[in-house]
N, C-alpha and C. Protein backbone atom coordinates (compact mmCIF):
# COMPACT_ATOMS: atom_id res chain seq x y z
N ALA A 1 103.63 79.87 95.57
CA ALA A 1 104.66 78.86 95.60
C ALA A 1 105.89 79.36 96.35
N SER A 2 106.19 80.64 96.23
CA SER A 2 107.38 81.15 96.91
C SER A 2 107.20 81.14 98.43
N ASP A 3 105.98 81.42 98.90
CA ASP A 3 105.72 81.34 100.34
C ASP A 3 105.89 79.92 100.84
N ILE A 4 105.41 78.96 100.08
CA ILE A 4 105.55 77.56 100.48
C ILE A 4 107.02 77.19 100.55
N ASP A 5 107.79 77.61 99.56
CA ASP A 5 109.21 77.28 99.53
C ASP A 5 109.97 77.93 100.69
N SER A 6 109.65 79.17 100.99
CA SER A 6 110.43 79.88 102.01
C SER A 6 109.88 79.70 103.43
N LEU A 7 108.57 79.53 103.57
CA LEU A 7 107.97 79.48 104.91
C LEU A 7 107.47 78.10 105.32
N GLY A 8 107.26 77.24 104.35
CA GLY A 8 106.72 75.92 104.64
C GLY A 8 105.23 75.86 104.29
N PRO A 9 104.71 74.66 104.05
CA PRO A 9 103.33 74.52 103.56
C PRO A 9 102.25 74.82 104.59
N ASN A 10 102.61 74.92 105.86
CA ASN A 10 101.60 75.14 106.89
C ASN A 10 101.70 76.50 107.58
N HIS A 11 102.36 77.42 106.93
CA HIS A 11 102.52 78.77 107.49
C HIS A 11 101.25 79.58 107.23
N PRO A 12 100.84 80.43 108.17
CA PRO A 12 99.65 81.26 107.98
C PRO A 12 99.69 82.14 106.73
N SER A 13 100.86 82.55 106.29
CA SER A 13 100.95 83.34 105.05
C SER A 13 100.51 82.52 103.84
N VAL A 14 100.78 81.24 103.87
CA VAL A 14 100.32 80.35 102.81
C VAL A 14 98.79 80.29 102.84
N ALA A 15 98.22 80.20 104.04
CA ALA A 15 96.77 80.20 104.17
C ALA A 15 96.17 81.50 103.65
N ASN A 16 96.84 82.62 103.92
CA ASN A 16 96.36 83.91 103.40
C ASN A 16 96.35 83.90 101.87
N ASP A 17 97.40 83.37 101.28
CA ASP A 17 97.48 83.28 99.81
C ASP A 17 96.36 82.39 99.27
N LEU A 18 96.16 81.25 99.91
CA LEU A 18 95.10 80.33 99.48
C LEU A 18 93.72 80.97 99.60
N ASN A 19 93.52 81.72 100.68
CA ASN A 19 92.24 82.39 100.89
C ASN A 19 92.00 83.44 99.81
N GLY A 20 93.03 84.20 99.48
CA GLY A 20 92.89 85.19 98.42
C GLY A 20 92.59 84.55 97.08
N LEU A 21 93.27 83.45 96.78
CA LEU A 21 93.01 82.73 95.54
C LEU A 21 91.59 82.19 95.53
N ALA A 22 91.13 81.69 96.66
CA ALA A 22 89.76 81.19 96.75
C ALA A 22 88.74 82.29 96.48
N GLN A 23 89.01 83.49 96.97
CA GLN A 23 88.08 84.60 96.73
C GLN A 23 88.01 84.94 95.24
N LEU A 24 89.13 84.83 94.56
CA LEU A 24 89.15 85.03 93.11
C LEU A 24 88.31 83.95 92.43
N TYR A 25 88.50 82.70 92.84
CA TYR A 25 87.71 81.61 92.27
C TYR A 25 86.23 81.79 92.54
N ILE A 26 85.87 82.26 93.72
CA ILE A 26 84.46 82.50 94.03
C ILE A 26 83.89 83.55 93.09
N ALA A 27 84.63 84.63 92.87
CA ALA A 27 84.18 85.68 91.95
C ALA A 27 83.99 85.16 90.53
N GLN A 28 84.79 84.15 90.17
CA GLN A 28 84.70 83.54 88.84
C GLN A 28 83.73 82.36 88.81
N LYS A 29 83.09 82.09 89.95
CA LYS A 29 82.15 80.97 90.09
C LYS A 29 82.82 79.61 89.86
N LYS A 30 84.09 79.53 90.22
CA LYS A 30 84.84 78.27 90.16
C LYS A 30 84.86 77.68 91.57
N TYR A 31 83.70 77.15 91.96
CA TYR A 31 83.50 76.75 93.34
C TYR A 31 84.31 75.51 93.75
N HIS A 32 84.53 74.59 92.86
CA HIS A 32 85.33 73.41 93.22
C HIS A 32 86.77 73.81 93.55
N GLU A 33 87.34 74.70 92.76
CA GLU A 33 88.69 75.17 93.01
C GLU A 33 88.75 75.97 94.31
N ALA A 34 87.72 76.80 94.53
CA ALA A 34 87.67 77.59 95.76
C ALA A 34 87.58 76.70 96.98
N LYS A 35 86.80 75.63 96.88
CA LYS A 35 86.64 74.73 98.01
C LYS A 35 87.97 74.09 98.39
N GLN A 36 88.76 73.70 97.41
CA GLN A 36 90.06 73.09 97.69
C GLN A 36 90.98 74.08 98.42
N CYS A 37 91.01 75.30 97.95
CA CYS A 37 91.86 76.32 98.58
C CYS A 37 91.39 76.64 100.00
N LEU A 38 90.09 76.80 100.15
CA LEU A 38 89.54 77.16 101.46
C LEU A 38 89.72 76.02 102.46
N SER A 39 89.56 74.81 102.02
CA SER A 39 89.74 73.67 102.93
C SER A 39 91.17 73.61 103.45
N ARG A 40 92.10 73.83 102.56
CA ARG A 40 93.51 73.82 102.97
C ARG A 40 93.83 75.00 103.89
N ALA A 41 93.32 76.18 103.53
CA ALA A 41 93.54 77.36 104.37
C ALA A 41 92.92 77.16 105.75
N LEU A 42 91.72 76.59 105.79
CA LEU A 42 91.05 76.37 107.07
C LEU A 42 91.87 75.43 107.96
N ALA A 43 92.44 74.40 107.39
CA ALA A 43 93.26 73.48 108.18
C ALA A 43 94.45 74.20 108.79
N ILE A 44 95.07 75.07 108.01
CA ILE A 44 96.23 75.83 108.52
C ILE A 44 95.80 76.81 109.60
N TYR A 45 94.74 77.56 109.34
CA TYR A 45 94.26 78.53 110.34
C TYR A 45 93.84 77.85 111.63
N THR A 46 93.14 76.73 111.52
CA THR A 46 92.69 76.03 112.72
C THR A 46 93.86 75.52 113.53
N ALA A 47 94.86 74.96 112.86
CA ALA A 47 96.03 74.46 113.56
C ALA A 47 96.84 75.59 114.20
N THR A 48 96.86 76.73 113.55
CA THR A 48 97.68 77.85 114.03
C THR A 48 96.95 78.71 115.06
N TYR A 49 95.70 79.05 114.76
CA TYR A 49 94.98 80.03 115.58
C TYR A 49 93.80 79.46 116.36
N HIS A 50 93.41 78.23 116.07
CA HIS A 50 92.27 77.56 116.69
C HIS A 50 90.95 78.09 116.13
N SER A 51 89.85 77.62 116.64
CA SER A 51 88.55 77.84 115.99
C SER A 51 87.91 79.19 116.29
N GLN A 52 88.37 79.92 117.26
CA GLN A 52 87.72 81.18 117.63
C GLN A 52 88.39 82.41 117.02
N ASN A 53 89.37 82.23 116.18
CA ASN A 53 90.06 83.34 115.54
C ASN A 53 89.24 83.85 114.35
N ALA A 54 89.31 85.14 114.10
CA ALA A 54 88.55 85.75 113.00
C ALA A 54 88.92 85.16 111.64
N LEU A 55 90.19 84.88 111.41
CA LEU A 55 90.59 84.29 110.13
C LEU A 55 89.97 82.90 109.94
N THR A 56 89.96 82.13 111.00
CA THR A 56 89.36 80.80 110.95
C THR A 56 87.86 80.90 110.70
N ILE A 57 87.21 81.77 111.43
CA ILE A 57 85.75 81.94 111.30
C ILE A 57 85.38 82.44 109.92
N ASN A 58 86.10 83.42 109.40
CA ASN A 58 85.80 83.96 108.07
C ASN A 58 86.02 82.91 106.98
N THR A 59 87.04 82.09 107.15
CA THR A 59 87.30 81.04 106.17
C THR A 59 86.21 79.98 106.23
N MET A 60 85.74 79.66 107.43
CA MET A 60 84.63 78.71 107.55
C MET A 60 83.38 79.26 106.88
N ALA A 61 83.14 80.55 107.02
CA ALA A 61 81.98 81.18 106.39
C ALA A 61 82.09 81.14 104.87
N SER A 62 83.27 81.42 104.36
CA SER A 62 83.49 81.36 102.91
C SER A 62 83.31 79.94 102.39
N LEU A 63 83.81 78.98 103.15
CA LEU A 63 83.66 77.59 102.76
C LEU A 63 82.19 77.17 102.76
N ALA A 64 81.44 77.64 103.73
CA ALA A 64 80.00 77.35 103.77
C ALA A 64 79.28 77.95 102.56
N LEU A 65 79.67 79.14 102.17
CA LEU A 65 79.09 79.78 100.98
C LEU A 65 79.40 78.96 99.73
N VAL A 66 80.63 78.52 99.61
CA VAL A 66 81.03 77.71 98.46
C VAL A 66 80.25 76.40 98.44
N GLU A 67 80.16 75.75 99.58
CA GLU A 67 79.43 74.48 99.65
C GLU A 67 77.96 74.66 99.32
N ALA A 68 77.37 75.78 99.73
CA ALA A 68 75.98 76.07 99.39
C ALA A 68 75.82 76.23 97.87
N ASN A 69 76.79 76.87 97.24
CA ASN A 69 76.71 77.04 95.80
C ASN A 69 76.95 75.73 95.04
N LEU A 70 77.67 74.82 95.67
CA LEU A 70 77.89 73.51 95.04
C LEU A 70 76.69 72.59 95.25
N GLY A 71 75.83 72.94 96.19
CA GLY A 71 74.64 72.11 96.44
C GLY A 71 74.82 71.25 97.59
């Protein structure tokens, strides 16, 4: 929340925070929560770094893993 307040909701640091939270949710098998975080992080990374950046690609891979676990 502090990153959002100080940097804005679309800053890459916010995406990093969301990605970290998603990884925690994945470890806890809370895939719906992880999907929400990863989807938001992916939108920020794509807008900031485009589709060929490692952060974007890794987030897409994590999102695919979550979606596979959701069915």
